Protein backbone atom coordinates (compact mmCIF):
# COMPACT_ATOMS: atom_id res chain seq x y z
CA MET A 1 111.48 47.53 11.68
CA ASP A 2 111.92 48.63 15.17
CA SER A 3 112.03 46.66 18.48
CA THR A 4 107.86 47.16 18.63
CA THR A 5 107.74 44.70 15.81
CA ILE A 6 109.98 41.83 17.01
CA THR A 7 108.10 38.65 16.96
CA THR A 8 109.07 35.42 18.39
CA ASN A 9 107.27 33.57 15.49
CA THR A 10 110.09 31.10 14.42
CA LYS A 11 108.47 30.49 10.90
CA LEU A 12 109.34 34.23 10.05
CA ARG A 13 112.96 33.54 9.24
CA LEU A 14 113.60 36.48 7.29
CA LYS A 15 112.07 39.04 9.58
CA ASN A 16 113.51 37.65 12.56
CA THR A 17 117.00 37.72 11.03
CA LEU A 18 116.43 41.37 10.01
CA ASP A 19 115.09 42.21 13.55
CA GLU A 20 118.01 40.65 15.07
CA ASN A 21 120.26 43.00 12.96
CA LYS A 22 121.99 40.27 11.23
CA VAL A 23 122.44 40.21 7.47
CA ALA A 24 120.12 38.12 5.60
CA ILE A 25 121.29 36.11 2.76
CA VAL A 26 118.64 35.40 0.00
CA THR A 27 118.38 34.43 -3.65
CA PHE A 28 116.19 34.79 -6.71
CA MET A 29 114.10 32.00 -8.16
CA THR A 30 113.14 32.18 -11.86
CA LEU A 31 112.28 28.75 -12.71
CA LYS A 32 109.07 27.14 -11.55
CA GLY A 33 108.59 24.02 -9.54
CA VAL A 34 107.93 22.64 -6.04
CA ARG A 35 111.10 20.63 -5.94
CA THR A 36 113.21 23.45 -7.33
CA ALA A 37 111.85 25.54 -4.54
CA GLN A 38 112.81 22.95 -1.94
CA ILE A 39 116.19 22.32 -3.36
CA VAL A 40 117.07 26.03 -3.40
CA SER A 41 115.53 26.55 0.14
CA ASP A 42 117.79 23.59 1.46
CA THR A 43 121.03 25.51 0.54
CA GLY A 44 121.11 27.67 3.81
CA VAL A 45 119.62 30.86 2.44
CA ASP A 46 117.31 32.90 4.78
CA ALA A 47 114.70 33.56 2.06
CA VAL A 48 113.93 32.82 -1.43
CA ILE A 49 112.60 35.52 -3.65
CA ILE A 50 109.89 33.83 -5.99
CA ASP A 51 110.32 35.96 -9.09
CA CYS A 52 107.04 36.84 -10.63
CA GLU A 53 108.20 39.81 -12.58
CA HIS A 54 110.89 38.18 -14.86
CA GLY A 55 110.63 34.66 -13.94
CA ASN A 56 108.72 31.73 -15.69
CA ILE A 57 106.26 31.34 -12.87
CA SER A 58 102.60 31.62 -13.00
CA ASP A 59 99.90 32.50 -10.32
CA SER A 60 99.62 28.80 -9.60
CA ASP A 61 103.10 28.11 -9.55
CA MET A 62 103.54 31.08 -7.15
CA HIS A 63 101.25 29.58 -4.71
CA ASP A 64 102.88 26.01 -4.66
CA MET A 65 106.30 27.30 -4.41
CA VAL A 66 105.52 29.75 -1.66
CA ALA A 67 104.15 26.60 0.46
CA ALA A 68 107.51 24.61 -0.65
CA VAL A 69 109.72 27.53 0.47
CA SER A 70 108.02 27.94 3.91
CA GLY A 71 107.59 24.22 4.51
CA SER A 72 111.58 24.04 4.19
CA GLY A 73 111.88 26.46 7.00
CA VAL A 74 112.87 29.32 4.91
CA SER A 75 111.04 32.70 4.23
CA PRO A 76 109.29 33.05 0.81
CA VAL A 77 109.19 36.52 -0.73
CA VAL A 78 107.31 37.15 -3.99
CA ARG A 79 108.51 39.60 -6.35
CA VAL A 80 105.30 40.91 -7.96
CA PRO A 81 105.35 42.05 -11.56
CA GLY A 82 104.11 45.57 -10.79
CA GLN A 83 102.54 47.81 -8.32
CA ASP A 84 98.93 46.73 -9.19
CA GLY A 85 96.48 46.02 -6.09
CA ILE A 86 95.47 42.50 -7.88
CA VAL A 87 99.02 40.96 -8.10
CA ILE A 88 99.89 42.41 -4.63
CA LYS A 89 96.91 40.71 -3.09
CA ARG A 90 97.60 37.48 -4.87
CA ALA A 91 101.19 37.39 -3.62
CA LEU A 92 100.23 38.05 -0.07
CA ASP A 93 97.10 35.41 -0.28
CA THR A 94 99.76 32.72 -0.59
CA GLY A 95 101.10 33.41 2.87
CA ALA A 96 104.24 35.14 1.58
CA HIS A 97 106.52 36.57 4.23
CA GLY A 98 107.08 39.52 2.28
CA ILE A 99 106.71 41.28 -1.26
CA LEU A 100 109.14 42.83 -3.29
CA VAL A 101 107.60 45.60 -5.60
CA PRO A 102 109.94 46.82 -8.66
CA MET A 103 110.37 50.13 -10.19
CA VAL A 104 109.07 52.28 -6.92
CA ASN A 105 110.42 55.94 -8.02
CA THR A 106 108.19 58.08 -5.75
CA ALA A 107 106.99 58.40 -2.20
CA GLU A 108 103.36 58.40 -3.52
CA GLN A 109 104.05 55.05 -5.15
CA ALA A 110 105.61 53.73 -1.97
CA ARG A 111 102.40 54.69 -0.13
CA SER A 112 100.20 53.21 -2.52
CA VAL A 113 102.22 49.94 -2.19
CA VAL A 114 101.99 49.91 1.65
CA LYS A 115 98.18 50.64 1.60
CA LEU A 116 97.45 47.86 -0.76
CA GLY A 117 99.37 45.34 1.18
CA LYS A 118 98.10 46.23 4.52
CA PHE A 119 94.70 45.22 6.13
CA PRO A 120 92.38 48.17 7.60
CA PRO A 121 92.79 50.50 9.26
CA VAL A 122 96.29 50.82 7.81
CA GLY A 123 95.52 49.86 4.55
CA VAL A 124 92.64 48.38 2.28
CA ARG A 125 93.85 44.70 1.74
CA GLY A 126 90.86 42.57 1.69
CA GLN A 127 90.84 39.32 3.72
CA GLY A 128 89.55 35.85 2.65
CA SER A 129 92.51 33.84 1.88
CA PRO A 130 92.42 30.21 3.56
CA PHE A 131 96.19 29.66 2.98
CA ALA A 132 97.99 32.61 4.14
CA ARG A 133 97.86 31.62 7.83
CA MET A 134 99.37 28.21 7.23
CA GLU A 135 102.79 29.66 5.89
CA HIS A 136 102.73 32.17 8.98
CA GLY A 137 102.16 29.04 11.33
CA PHE A 138 98.79 30.23 12.76
CA LYS A 139 95.70 28.07 13.29
CA SER A 140 93.16 30.40 12.14
CA PRO A 141 92.77 33.24 9.51
CA SER A 142 91.91 35.59 12.32
CA GLU A 143 95.15 35.02 13.95
CA TYR A 144 97.15 35.67 10.82
CA ILE A 145 95.01 38.94 9.96
CA ALA A 146 95.74 40.31 13.41
CA ALA A 147 99.68 40.03 12.97
CA ALA A 148 100.14 40.35 9.33
CA ASN A 149 100.37 44.15 9.19
CA LYS A 150 103.35 43.90 11.39
CA ASN A 151 104.79 40.68 10.14
CA VAL A 152 104.58 40.95 6.27
CA ILE A 153 107.90 42.56 4.94
CA THR A 154 107.28 45.40 2.57
CA MET A 155 110.22 45.97 0.11
CA VAL A 156 110.52 48.30 -2.87
CA GLN A 157 113.13 48.41 -5.42
CA ILE A 158 115.32 51.52 -6.13
CA GLU A 159 116.29 50.94 -9.93
CA THR A 160 116.04 54.34 -11.55
CA ALA A 161 117.88 57.83 -11.28
CA GLU A 162 114.41 59.02 -10.31
CA ALA A 163 114.11 56.81 -7.34
CA VAL A 164 117.62 57.63 -6.22
CA GLU A 165 116.48 61.58 -6.56
CA ASN A 166 113.64 60.85 -4.33
CA VAL A 167 114.77 58.07 -2.16
CA ASP A 168 114.79 60.08 1.25
CA GLU A 169 111.12 60.63 0.70
CA ILE A 170 110.63 56.91 -0.27
CA VAL A 171 112.29 55.71 2.85
CA GLN A 172 110.18 57.79 5.23
CA VAL A 173 106.86 56.17 4.18
CA ASP A 174 105.69 54.31 7.03
CA GLY A 175 105.21 50.56 6.16
CA VAL A 176 108.20 50.60 3.96
CA ASP A 177 110.69 48.00 5.53
CA LEU A 178 113.22 47.51 3.05
CA ILE A 179 114.71 49.29 0.08
CA LEU A 180 116.43 46.94 -2.56
CA ILE A 181 119.09 48.36 -4.96
CA GLY A 182 118.35 46.67 -8.55
CA PRO A 183 121.89 47.58 -9.62
CA ASN A 184 121.21 46.32 -13.39
CA ASP A 185 118.51 48.65 -13.89
CA LEU A 186 119.92 51.46 -12.00
CA ALA A 187 123.24 50.99 -14.17
CA LEU A 188 120.84 51.19 -17.36
CA SER A 189 119.36 54.32 -15.88
CA VAL A 190 122.26 56.48 -14.64
CA LEU A 191 124.96 55.07 -17.05
CA GLY A 192 122.95 53.90 -20.25
CA TYR A 193 124.41 50.35 -19.99
CA THR A 194 124.45 47.23 -17.85
CA PRO A 195 126.33 45.56 -15.95
CA ALA A 196 128.16 48.50 -14.23
CA LYS A 197 131.80 48.00 -13.70
CA PHE A 198 131.33 49.44 -9.88
CA THR A 199 133.83 52.01 -10.70
CA GLU A 200 131.74 54.58 -12.38
CA LEU A 201 131.54 57.46 -10.04
CA VAL A 202 127.84 58.48 -10.63
CA PHE A 203 126.70 54.89 -10.17
CA LEU A 204 128.74 54.64 -6.88
CA GLU A 205 127.25 57.96 -5.53
CA ALA A 206 123.75 56.75 -6.30
CA ILE A 207 124.31 53.60 -4.21
CA ASP A 208 125.97 55.61 -1.57
CA LYS A 209 122.74 58.01 -1.46
CA VAL A 210 120.59 55.12 -1.04
CA VAL A 211 122.21 53.39 1.73
CA THR A 212 122.88 56.62 3.66
CA SER A 213 119.20 57.75 3.34
CA ALA A 214 117.98 54.13 4.38
CA LYS A 215 120.43 54.27 7.46
CA ARG A 216 119.44 57.91 8.43
CA HIS A 217 115.84 56.98 8.56
CA GLY A 218 116.13 53.44 10.39
CA LYS A 219 115.13 51.49 7.25
CA LYS A 220 116.91 48.31 6.07
CA ALA A 221 118.87 48.25 2.77
CA GLY A 222 119.60 45.40 0.32
CA ILE A 223 121.52 45.01 -2.84
CA LEU A 224 121.81 42.13 -5.63
CA ALA A 225 125.28 40.45 -5.67
CA ALA A 226 126.75 38.47 -8.63
CA ASP A 227 128.40 35.98 -6.56
CA GLY A 228 129.58 34.83 -2.88
CA GLU A 229 132.70 37.18 -2.98
CA ALA A 230 130.53 40.10 -4.12
CA ALA A 231 128.09 39.02 -1.36
CA LYS A 232 130.70 38.88 1.36
CA GLU A 233 131.72 42.61 0.67
CA ALA A 234 128.25 43.81 0.29
CA LYS A 235 127.49 42.36 3.92
CA LYS A 236 129.84 45.14 5.17
CA ARG A 237 127.03 47.84 4.13
CA PHE A 238 123.84 46.03 3.73
CA ASP A 239 121.19 44.49 5.76
CA MET A 240 120.13 41.92 3.01
CA VAL A 241 122.17 40.68 0.08
CA VAL A 242 120.58 38.67 -2.85
CA VAL A 243 123.04 36.37 -4.16
CA ASN A 244 122.29 35.85 -7.78
CA GLY A 245 119.57 33.21 -8.84
CA ASP A 246 118.68 29.91 -9.87
CA ALA A 247 118.95 30.10 -13.64
CA LYS A 248 122.24 32.12 -13.68
CA ALA A 249 123.64 29.47 -11.00
CA LEU A 250 122.84 26.57 -13.02
CA MET A 251 124.22 28.08 -15.91
CA ALA A 252 127.45 28.80 -14.37
CA TRP A 253 127.92 25.42 -12.87
CA TYR A 254 127.39 23.61 -16.29
CA GLU A 255 129.74 26.10 -17.84
CA ARG A 256 132.42 25.47 -15.48
CA GLU A 257 132.04 21.56 -15.19
CA LEU A 258 131.81 21.21 -19.14
CA LYS A 259 134.98 23.22 -19.73
CA ILE A 260 136.72 20.95 -17.08
CA ALA A 261 135.24 17.92 -18.72
CA ARG A 262 136.27 18.97 -22.00
CA SER A 263 139.65 20.04 -21.28
């Protein structure tokens, strides 16, 4: 996202953070619920990724959670379950500030994602949602439609050896704003197991290639981090760091506190 796309829309917390060249700290949500979304949003994150790929989140839950996150002053992003136009349309019609698309392995797939997520003449996205304008702070759908192509963040995940091989072409696709490394699936692809120890040369070289390519072509890069310490280290190289997620955080807290309680 270059200077021509900078917006003063204060609703768009994630986009504004990235446009100001600050590191965005975000997290995943896999558990459904408005109150859960509000609680996670109130922690200080810049965005919440509502995980409709691996989470227990229905279409209706997605709508409610996007509104809850946005209403908390945080950017809602939807990770769609695939690259199908229907799921991309449904995610964007909620008013999500961005979409995260998994398993993008080629430039052709990236171009398709962009086309499906943009209104004409750039893409083929259909208009009609009465909700999207609300989460972007607009009074009318026409205002939202006029701004959506430059304001909605399109993120694609690099999760396979094939994607790493093609990353230089993927990041050059117009309309791809950020590439997110999925370290667990990437480890499975290049190492045959997960999680990576982050000492494996082939794995580290793959990450280096992705980051270098993104920087070369002026695109943002992100990665998933297991905890705060890992996120702090990742901030040195990445524009967006995803700090774990709700289910793992909940389990970790109970495990830690129950160990103390039973000691």
